[in-house]
C-alpha atoms as a PDB file:
ATOM      1  CA  MET A   1      70.687  -6.126 -38.915  1.00  0.00           C
ATOM      2  CA  THR A   2      68.208  -4.706 -36.245  1.00  0.00           C
ATOM      3  CA  THR A   3      64.924  -4.803 -37.281  1.00  0.00           C
ATOM      4  CA  GLU A   4      62.688  -1.537 -35.490  1.00  0.00           C
ATOM      5  CA  LEU A   5      59.109  -2.328 -34.499  1.00  0.00           C
ATOM      6  CA  PRO A   6      57.001   0.388 -35.812  1.00  0.00           C
ATOM      7  CA  LYS A   7      56.000   3.036 -33.379  1.00  0.00           C
ATOM      8  CA  PRO A   8      52.341   3.609 -32.522  1.00  0.00           C
ATOM      9  CA  GLU A   9      51.406   6.854 -34.139  1.00  0.00           C
ATOM     10  CA  TYR A  10      49.369   9.661 -32.505  1.00  0.00           C
ATOM     11  CA  ASP A  11      48.458  12.560 -34.792  1.00  0.00           C
ATOM     12  CA  SER A  12      48.091  14.771 -31.785  1.00  0.00           C
ATOM     13  CA  ASP A  13      46.778  15.315 -28.342  1.00  0.00           C
ATOM     14  CA  ALA A  14      43.207  15.706 -29.756  1.00  0.00           C
ATOM     15  CA  ASN A  15      43.313  11.798 -30.806  1.00  0.00           C
ATOM     16  CA  LEU A  16      44.510  10.923 -27.159  1.00  0.00           C
ATOM     17  CA  ASP A  17      41.439  12.965 -25.666  1.00  0.00           C
ATOM     18  CA  GLU A  18      39.323  11.059 -28.026  1.00  0.00           C
ATOM     19  CA  GLU A  19      40.374   7.732 -26.911  1.00  0.00           C
ATOM     20  CA  PHE A  20      40.093   8.414 -23.468  1.00  0.00           C
ATOM     21  CA  GLU A  21      36.811  10.227 -23.785  1.00  0.00           C
ATOM     22  CA  TYR A  22      34.845  10.781 -20.581  1.00  0.00           C
ATOM     23  CA  ARG A  23      30.946  11.075 -20.495  1.00  0.00           C
ATOM     24  CA  PRO A  24      29.353  11.733 -17.487  1.00  0.00           C
ATOM     25  CA  LEU A  25      26.504   9.568 -16.483  1.00  0.00           C
ATOM     26  CA  SER A  26      22.946  11.631 -16.461  1.00  0.00           C
ATOM     27  CA  MET A  27      21.630  12.332 -13.198  1.00  0.00           C
ATOM     28  CA  GLY A  28      18.380  12.506 -14.764  1.00  0.00           C
ATOM     29  CA  ALA A  29      18.771   8.722 -16.017  1.00  0.00           C
ATOM     30  CA  MET A  30      19.356   7.737 -12.342  1.00  0.00           C
ATOM     31  CA  ALA A  31      16.708   9.416 -11.013  1.00  0.00           C
ATOM     32  CA  ALA A  32      14.499   7.657 -13.196  1.00  0.00           C
ATOM     33  CA  ALA A  33      16.062   4.555 -12.553  1.00  0.00           C
ATOM     34  CA  GLY A  34      15.322   4.980  -8.998  1.00  0.00           C
ATOM     35  CA  LEU A  35      11.921   6.164  -9.475  1.00  0.00           C
ATOM     36  CA  GLY A  36      11.332   3.133 -11.752  1.00  0.00           C
ATOM     37  CA  LEU A  37      12.512   0.871  -9.106  1.00  0.00           C
ATOM     38  CA  LEU A  38      10.023   2.770  -6.432  1.00  0.00           C
ATOM     39  CA  SER A  39       7.418   2.525  -8.498  1.00  0.00           C
ATOM     40  CA  LEU A  40       6.959  -1.138  -8.024  1.00  0.00           C
ATOM     41  CA  LEU A  41       5.685  -0.319  -4.467  1.00  0.00           C
ATOM     42  CA  VAL A  42       2.156   0.166  -6.676  1.00  0.00           C
ATOM     43  CA  PHE A  43       2.117  -3.466  -6.673  1.00  0.00           C
ATOM     44  CA  ALA A  44       2.418  -4.075  -2.963  1.00  0.00           C
ATOM     45  CA  ALA A  45      -0.331  -1.332  -2.093  1.00  0.00           C
ATOM     46  CA  ALA A  46      -2.709  -3.191  -4.940  1.00  0.00           C
ATOM     47  CA  ARG A  47      -3.058  -5.817  -1.945  1.00  0.00           C
ATOM     48  CA  ILE A  48      -3.904  -3.590   0.254  1.00  0.00           C
ATOM     49  CA  SER A  49      -6.341  -1.223  -1.341  1.00  0.00           C
ATOM     50  CA  LEU A  50      -7.024   0.475  -4.856  1.00  0.00           C
ATOM     51  CA  SER A  51      -6.824   3.949  -2.921  1.00  0.00           C
ATOM     52  CA  SER A  52      -3.417   2.894  -1.623  1.00  0.00           C
ATOM     53  CA  SER A  53      -1.888   2.281  -5.180  1.00  0.00           C
ATOM     54  CA  LEU A  54      -3.524   5.385  -6.334  1.00  0.00           C
ATOM     55  CA  MET A  55      -1.794   7.418  -3.519  1.00  0.00           C
ATOM     56  CA  LEU A  56       1.262   6.091  -4.880  1.00  0.00           C
ATOM     57  CA  ALA A  57       0.417   6.458  -8.569  1.00  0.00           C
ATOM     58  CA  PRO A  58       2.471  10.004  -8.889  1.00  0.00           C
ATOM     59  CA  ILE A  59       6.001   8.142  -8.251  1.00  0.00           C
ATOM     60  CA  PRO A  60       5.751   6.268 -11.579  1.00  0.00           C
ATOM     61  CA  LEU A  61       4.224   9.327 -13.289  1.00  0.00           C
ATOM     62  CA  VAL A  62       7.400  11.393 -12.313  1.00  0.00           C
ATOM     63  CA  GLY A  63       9.456   8.329 -12.863  1.00  0.00           C
ATOM     64  CA  LEU A  64       7.953   8.382 -16.511  1.00  0.00           C
ATOM     65  CA  VAL A  65       8.243  12.040 -17.311  1.00  0.00           C
ATOM     66  CA  THR A  66      11.904  11.922 -16.210  1.00  0.00           C
ATOM     67  CA  GLY A  67      12.689   8.920 -17.835  1.00  0.00           C
ATOM     68  CA  ILE A  68      11.947  10.559 -20.917  1.00  0.00           C
ATOM     69  CA  LEU A  69      13.296  14.145 -20.477  1.00  0.00           C
ATOM     70  CA  ALA A  70      16.330  12.374 -19.396  1.00  0.00           C
ATOM     71  CA  LEU A  71      16.326  10.094 -22.495  1.00  0.00           C
ATOM     72  CA  HIS A  72      15.448  13.200 -24.882  1.00  0.00           C
ATOM     73  CA  LYS A  73      18.444  14.990 -23.256  1.00  0.00           C
ATOM     74  CA  ILE A  74      21.031  12.026 -23.792  1.00  0.00           C
ATOM     75  CA  ARG A  75      20.350  11.891 -27.487  1.00  0.00           C
ATOM     76  CA  SER A  76      20.157  15.121 -27.878  1.00  0.00           C
ATOM     77  CA  MET A  77      23.833  15.422 -26.578  1.00  0.00           C
ATOM     78  CA  PRO A  78      25.289  12.075 -27.297  1.00  0.00           C
ATOM     79  CA  ASP A  79      29.093  13.300 -27.023  1.00  0.00           C
ATOM     80  CA  GLN A  80      28.519  14.787 -23.627  1.00  0.00           C
ATOM     81  CA  LEU A  81      26.085  12.497 -21.553  1.00  0.00           C
ATOM     82  CA  THR A  82      25.759   8.887 -21.171  1.00  0.00           C
ATOM     83  CA  GLY A  83      22.973   6.782 -19.091  1.00  0.00           C
ATOM     84  CA  SER A  84      20.166   5.676 -21.811  1.00  0.00           C
ATOM     85  CA  GLY A  85      20.190   2.196 -20.111  1.00  0.00           C
ATOM     86  CA  PRO A  86      18.926   3.364 -16.936  1.00  0.00           C
ATOM     87  CA  ALA A  87      16.751   6.273 -18.413  1.00  0.00           C
ATOM     88  CA  LEU A  88      14.942   3.248 -20.315  1.00  0.00           C
ATOM     89  CA  THR A  89      14.649   1.384 -17.244  1.00  0.00           C
ATOM     90  CA  GLY A  90      13.223   3.692 -15.381  1.00  0.00           C
ATOM     91  CA  ILE A  91      10.568   4.624 -18.266  1.00  0.00           C
ATOM     92  CA  VAL A  92       9.574   0.901 -18.425  1.00  0.00           C
ATOM     93  CA  LEU A  93       9.122   0.175 -14.571  1.00  0.00           C
ATOM     94  CA  SER A  94       7.271   3.344 -14.254  1.00  0.00           C
ATOM     95  CA  ILE A  95       4.914   2.093 -17.275  1.00  0.00           C
ATOM     96  CA  ALA A  96       4.391  -1.150 -16.051  1.00  0.00           C
ATOM     97  CA  SER A  97       3.373   0.266 -12.832  1.00  0.00           C
ATOM     98  CA  LEU A  98       1.335   2.586 -14.016  1.00  0.00           C
ATOM     99  CA  ALA A  99      -0.682   0.059 -16.177  1.00  0.00           C
ATOM    100  CA  GLY A 100      -0.264  -3.077 -14.246  1.00  0.00           C
ATOM    101  CA  GLY A 101      -0.006  -1.840 -11.004  1.00  0.00           C
ATOM    102  CA  LEU A 102      -3.098   0.041 -11.085  1.00  0.00           C
ATOM    103  CA  GLY A 103      -4.657  -2.461 -13.161  1.00  0.00           C
ATOM    104  CA  TYR A 104      -3.975  -5.357 -10.744  1.00  0.00           C
ATOM    105  CA  ALA A 105      -5.475  -2.950  -7.854  1.00  0.00           C
ATOM    106  CA  GLY A 106      -8.485  -2.339  -9.696  1.00  0.00           C
ATOM    107  CA  PHE A 107      -9.026  -6.185 -10.145  1.00  0.00           C
ATOM    108  CA  VAL A 108      -8.491  -6.822  -6.293  1.00  0.00           C
ATOM    109  CA  HIS A 109     -10.643  -4.069  -5.764  1.00  0.00           C
ATOM    110  CA  VAL A 110     -13.622  -5.563  -7.745  1.00  0.00           C
ATOM    111  CA  THR A 111     -13.106  -9.052  -7.043  1.00  0.00           C
ATOM    112  CA  GLU A 112     -12.345  -9.588  -3.238  1.00  0.00           C
ATOM    113  CA  VAL A 113     -15.674  -8.643  -1.969  1.00  0.00           C
ATOM    114  CA  PRO A 114     -17.890 -11.968  -1.828  1.00  0.00           C
ATOM    115  CA  ASP A 115     -20.988 -12.113  -2.858  1.00  0.00           C
ATOM    116  CA  GLY A 116     -23.644 -10.746  -0.383  1.00  0.00           C
ATOM    117  CA  TYR A 117     -21.335  -8.295   1.126  1.00  0.00           C
ATOM    118  CA  VAL A 118     -21.753  -4.638   1.388  1.00  0.00           C
ATOM    119  CA  ARG A 119     -18.077  -3.038   1.186  1.00  0.00           C
ATOM    120  CA  THR A 120     -17.258  -0.831   4.001  1.00  0.00           C
ATOM    121  CA  ALA A 121     -14.429   0.811   5.301  1.00  0.00           C
ATOM    122  CA  PHE A 122     -12.991   2.530   8.367  1.00  0.00           C
ATOM    123  CA  TYR A 123     -13.117   5.854   7.364  1.00  0.00           C
ATOM    124  CA  GLU A 124     -17.049   5.885   6.816  1.00  0.00           C
ATOM    125  CA  PHE A 125     -17.401   4.446  10.718  1.00  0.00           C
ATOM    126  CA  ARG A 126     -16.009   7.861  11.818  1.00  0.00           C
ATOM    127  CA  PRO A 127     -18.834  10.593  12.251  1.00  0.00           C
ATOM    128  CA  ASP A 128     -18.731  14.006  11.091  1.00  0.00           C
ATOM    129  CA  GLU A 129     -19.439  17.413  12.694  1.00  0.00           C
ATOM    130  CA  VAL A 130     -22.594  17.433  11.684  1.00  0.00           C
ATOM    131  CA  ASP A 131     -23.378  14.053  13.117  1.00  0.00           C
ATOM    132  CA  LEU A 132     -21.670  14.913  16.800  1.00  0.00           C
ATOM    133  CA  ARG A 133     -23.797  18.017  16.838  1.00  0.00           C
ATOM    134  CA  GLY A 134     -26.834  15.969  16.210  1.00  0.00           C
ATOM    135  CA  GLY A 135     -26.061  13.456  19.096  1.00  0.00           C
ATOM    136  CA  LYS A 136     -25.200  10.724  16.543  1.00  0.00           C
ATOM    137  CA  VAL A 137     -22.046   9.167  17.159  1.00  0.00           C
ATOM    138  CA  VAL A 138     -22.338   6.677  14.613  1.00  0.00           C
ATOM    139  CA  PRO A 139     -22.962   8.240  10.914  1.00  0.00           C
ATOM    140  CA  PRO A 140     -26.315   7.014   9.719  1.00  0.00           C
ATOM    141  CA  TYR A 141     -24.898   5.341   6.750  1.00  0.00           C
ATOM    142  CA  ILE A 142     -23.345   2.964   9.016  1.00  0.00           C
ATOM    143  CA  GLN A 143     -26.331   2.798  11.388  1.00  0.00           C
ATOM    144  CA  GLN A 144     -28.178   1.353   8.382  1.00  0.00           C
ATOM    145  CA  LEU A 145     -25.958  -1.302   7.891  1.00  0.00           C
ATOM    146  CA  ALA A 146     -26.746  -2.820  11.416  1.00  0.00           C
ATOM    147  CA  ASN A 147     -27.815  -6.417  11.268  1.00  0.00           C
ATOM    148  CA  GLN A 148     -26.492  -6.604   7.943  1.00  0.00           C
ATOM    149  CA  GLN A 149     -23.410  -8.893   5.775  1.00  0.00           C
ATOM    150  CA  VAL A 150     -20.252  -6.404   5.553  1.00  0.00           C
ATOM    151  CA  PHE A 151     -17.169  -6.696   4.358  1.00  0.00           C
ATOM    152  CA  ILE A 152     -13.932  -4.853   5.611  1.00  0.00           C
ATOM    153  CA  LYS A 153     -10.640  -4.411   5.430  1.00  0.00           C
ATOM    154  CA  GLY A 154      -7.704  -4.220   8.773  1.00  0.00           C
ATOM    155  CA  TYR A 155      -5.227  -5.159  11.068  1.00  0.00           C
ATOM    156  CA  MET A 156      -5.130  -7.214  13.809  1.00  0.00           C
ATOM    157  CA  ARG A 157      -4.670  -5.412  16.747  1.00  0.00           C
ATOM    158  CA  PRO A 158      -1.682  -7.109  18.774  1.00  0.00           C
ATOM    159  CA  GLY A 159      -2.583  -8.459  22.278  1.00  0.00           C
ATOM    160  CA  THR A 160      -6.294  -8.929  21.786  1.00  0.00           C
ATOM    161  CA  HIS A 161      -6.048 -11.994  19.653  1.00  0.00           C
ATOM    162  CA  THR A 162      -7.692 -14.885  21.973  1.00  0.00           C
ATOM    163  CA  SER A 163      -9.776 -18.174  22.010  1.00  0.00           C
ATOM    164  CA  LYS A 164     -13.454 -18.408  22.415  1.00  0.00           C
ATOM    165  CA  ASN A 165     -12.749 -18.906  26.398  1.00  0.00           C
ATOM    166  CA  GLY A 166     -10.661 -15.416  26.326  1.00  0.00           C
ATOM    167  CA  THR A 167      -7.358 -17.350  26.372  1.00  0.00           C
ATOM    168  CA  PRO A 168      -4.642 -15.173  24.592  1.00  0.00           C
ATOM    169  CA  VAL A 169      -3.489 -17.244  21.945  1.00  0.00           C
ATOM    170  CA  ARG A 170      -1.562 -16.948  18.307  1.00  0.00           C
ATOM    171  CA  HIS A 171      -3.103 -19.685  16.909  1.00  0.00           C
ATOM    172  CA  ASN A 172      -6.777 -20.670  16.286  1.00  0.00           C
ATOM    173  CA  VAL A 173      -7.934 -16.972  17.344  1.00  0.00           C
ATOM    174  CA  SER A 174     -11.601 -16.588  17.183  1.00  0.00           C
ATOM    175  CA  ARG A 175     -11.858 -13.038  18.855  1.00  0.00           C
ATOM    176  CA  PHE A 176      -9.681 -10.094  18.238  1.00  0.00           C
ATOM    177  CA  ARG A 177      -9.915  -6.395  17.654  1.00  0.00           C
ATOM    178  CA  LEU A 178      -9.589  -5.407  13.988  1.00  0.00           C
ATOM    179  CA  VAL A 179      -7.742  -1.714  13.666  1.00  0.00           C
ATOM    180  CA  ARG A 180      -7.628   0.719  10.692  1.00  0.00           C
ATOM    181  CA  ASP A 181      -4.178   0.537  10.250  1.00  0.00           C
ATOM    182  CA  ASP A 182      -0.816  -1.501  11.380  1.00  0.00           C
ATOM    183  CA  ASN A 183       0.415   1.669  13.438  1.00  0.00           C
ATOM    184  CA  GLU A 184      -2.573   1.332  15.738  1.00  0.00           C
ATOM    185  CA  CYS A 185      -0.051  -1.048  17.830  1.00  0.00           C
ATOM    186  CA  CYS A 186       2.018   2.247  18.620  1.00  0.00           C
ATOM    187  CA  PHE A 187      -0.840   4.025  20.169  1.00  0.00           C
ATOM    188  CA  GLY A 188      -0.565   2.460  23.565  1.00  0.00           C
ATOM    189  CA  ASP A 189      -2.930   1.683  25.849  1.00  0.00           C
ATOM    190  CA  LEU A 190      -6.040   0.275  23.648  1.00  0.00           C
ATOM    191  CA  SER A 191      -8.451   2.731  25.391  1.00  0.00           C
ATOM    192  CA  GLU A 192      -6.481   5.633  23.525  1.00  0.00           C
ATOM    193  CA  VAL A 193      -7.722   4.204  20.111  1.00  0.00           C
ATOM    194  CA  LYS A 194     -11.176   5.807  19.389  1.00  0.00           C
ATOM    195  CA  TYR A 195     -14.238   3.681  18.662  1.00  0.00           C
ATOM    196  CA  TYR A 196     -14.653   4.264  15.260  1.00  0.00           C
ATOM    197  CA  ASP A 197     -10.732   3.041  14.220  1.00  0.00           C
ATOM    198  CA  GLN A 198     -11.563  -0.388  15.896  1.00  0.00           C
ATOM    199  CA  ILE A 199     -14.178  -3.565  15.637  1.00  0.00           C
ATOM    200  CA  LEU A 200     -14.631  -6.612  17.765  1.00  0.00           C
ATOM    201  CA  VAL A 201     -14.327  -9.390  15.314  1.00  0.00           C
ATOM    202  CA  LYS A 202     -15.976 -12.326  17.056  1.00  0.00           C
ATOM    203  CA  MET A 203     -15.557 -15.764  14.392  1.00  0.00           C
ATOM    204  CA  LEU A 204     -18.862 -17.830  14.197  1.00  0.00           C
ATOM    205  CA  GLY A 205     -19.023 -21.647  14.372  1.00  0.00           C
ATOM    206  CA  ASN A 206     -15.879 -23.433  13.830  1.00  0.00           C
ATOM    207  CA  GLN A 207     -13.803 -20.530  11.888  1.00  0.00           C
ATOM    208  CA  VAL A 208     -10.595 -19.453  13.286  1.00  0.00           C
ATOM    209  CA  THR A 209      -7.310 -17.435  12.265  1.00  0.00           C
ATOM    210  CA  ASP A 210      -4.037 -17.140  13.469  1.00  0.00           C
ATOM    211  CA  TYR A 211      -2.196 -13.871  14.290  1.00  0.00           C
ATOM    212  CA  SER A 212      -0.674 -11.926  11.708  1.00  0.00           C
ATOM    213  CA  THR A 213       0.642  -8.589  10.516  1.00  0.00           C
ATOM    214  CA  ARG A 214      -0.785  -8.644   7.234  1.00  0.00           C
ATOM    215  CA  ILE A 215      -4.284  -7.221   6.236  1.00  0.00           C
ATOM    216  CA  PHE A 216      -7.061  -9.070   7.148  1.00  0.00           C
ATOM    217  CA  ARG A 217     -10.357  -9.001   4.798  1.00  0.00           C
ATOM    218  CA  LEU A 218     -13.360 -10.023   6.734  1.00  0.00           C
ATOM    219  CA  GLY A 219     -17.190 -10.706   6.258  1.00  0.00           C
ATOM    220  CA  GLY A 220     -19.922 -10.819   8.566  1.00  0.00           C
ATOM    221  CA  LYS A 221     -22.921  -9.316  10.250  1.00  0.00           C
ATOM    222  CA  LEU A 222     -22.189  -6.068  11.528  1.00  0.00           C
ATOM    223  CA  GLN A 223     -23.633  -4.929  15.112  1.00  0.00           C
ATOM    224  CA  VAL A 224     -23.781  -1.552  16.214  1.00  0.00           C
ATOM    225  CA  ARG A 225     -24.043  -0.236  19.704  1.00  0.00           C
ATOM    226  CA  PRO A 226     -23.846   4.000  20.004  1.00  0.00           C
ATOM    227  CA  GLU A 227     -24.562   3.310  23.561  1.00  0.00           C
ATOM    228  CA  ASN A 228     -21.123   2.216  24.069  1.00  0.00           C
ATOM    229  CA  ALA A 229     -19.224   5.177  22.534  1.00  0.00           C
ATOM    230  CA  ASN A 230     -17.997   6.463  25.932  1.00  0.00           C
ATOM    231  CA  ARG A 231     -16.832   3.475  27.334  1.00  0.00           C
ATOM    232  CA  ALA A 232     -13.705   2.005  26.959  1.00  0.00           C
ATOM    233  CA  ASP A 233     -14.446  -1.622  27.965  1.00  0.00           C
ATOM    234  CA  ALA A 234     -17.235  -2.178  25.358  1.00  0.00           C
ATOM    235  CA  PRO A 235     -17.118  -1.837  21.664  1.00  0.00           C
ATOM    236  CA  VAL A 236     -19.621  -0.050  19.412  1.00  0.00           C
ATOM    237  CA  PHE A 237     -18.665  -2.267  16.815  1.00  0.00           C
ATOM    238  CA  ILE A 238     -19.113  -5.922  16.299  1.00  0.00           C
ATOM    239  CA  LEU A 239     -18.497  -7.966  13.655  1.00  0.00           C
ATOM    240  CA  GLU A 240     -19.873 -11.494  13.633  1.00  0.00           C
ATOM    241  CA  ALA A 241     -17.522 -12.690  10.907  1.00  0.00           C
ATOM    242  CA  ASP A 242     -17.851 -15.849   8.619  1.00  0.00           C
ATOM    243  CA  TYR A 243     -15.287 -14.880   6.030  1.00  0.00           C
ATOM    244  CA  VAL A 244     -11.640 -14.418   6.401  1.00  0.00           C
ATOM    245  CA  GLN A 245      -9.159 -14.020   4.497  1.00  0.00           C
END
């Protein structure tokens, strides 16, 4: 006697379709996840400046809104869309970047200036049209900081780092040009960089540093020499640095 094995039963073609049902991945969910990953740049920018982090804040904001909208659409159409995981990932990363990244940037901003130093920034060194029409190549606010202890951030201009005797070195650097941003290296001849976008740094005493492409945090006495504004061989701003990080 031959025993026949039971055959699988399929009620209809609809059962086959249901078994192999395909639901497309929500593009909104994928976009939210991508924006969430990009939002982590807020943490990296926090080490540069608070303003840099604020400029990147729209990325996590858009990521958060995109994730919420995508998640709502997926949950309202569970038979047609999938992607709750990526959407939730984007939402979490965006919230973390907004709260944590901006919070960290604020903490760095508040604590990075040593006691006794006045915070300055390169944009404050640039005279406006009113100043220039009045013959002032240095803004009055910066002129008032002459011979005072200031704090400023910037990048070491490649090719300007030397020892005290003027010898080019990469380690134990005691003199260099501090510039506004790391794109200054692409401007070619140093004479093409505006005088208000650079500061000659002279390390005091035994203070030295090493050449690096990272951002520098410097403090020291600011010297202002407006008579050098039209000279390519002499700086308008000199920082006698006694603090470097």
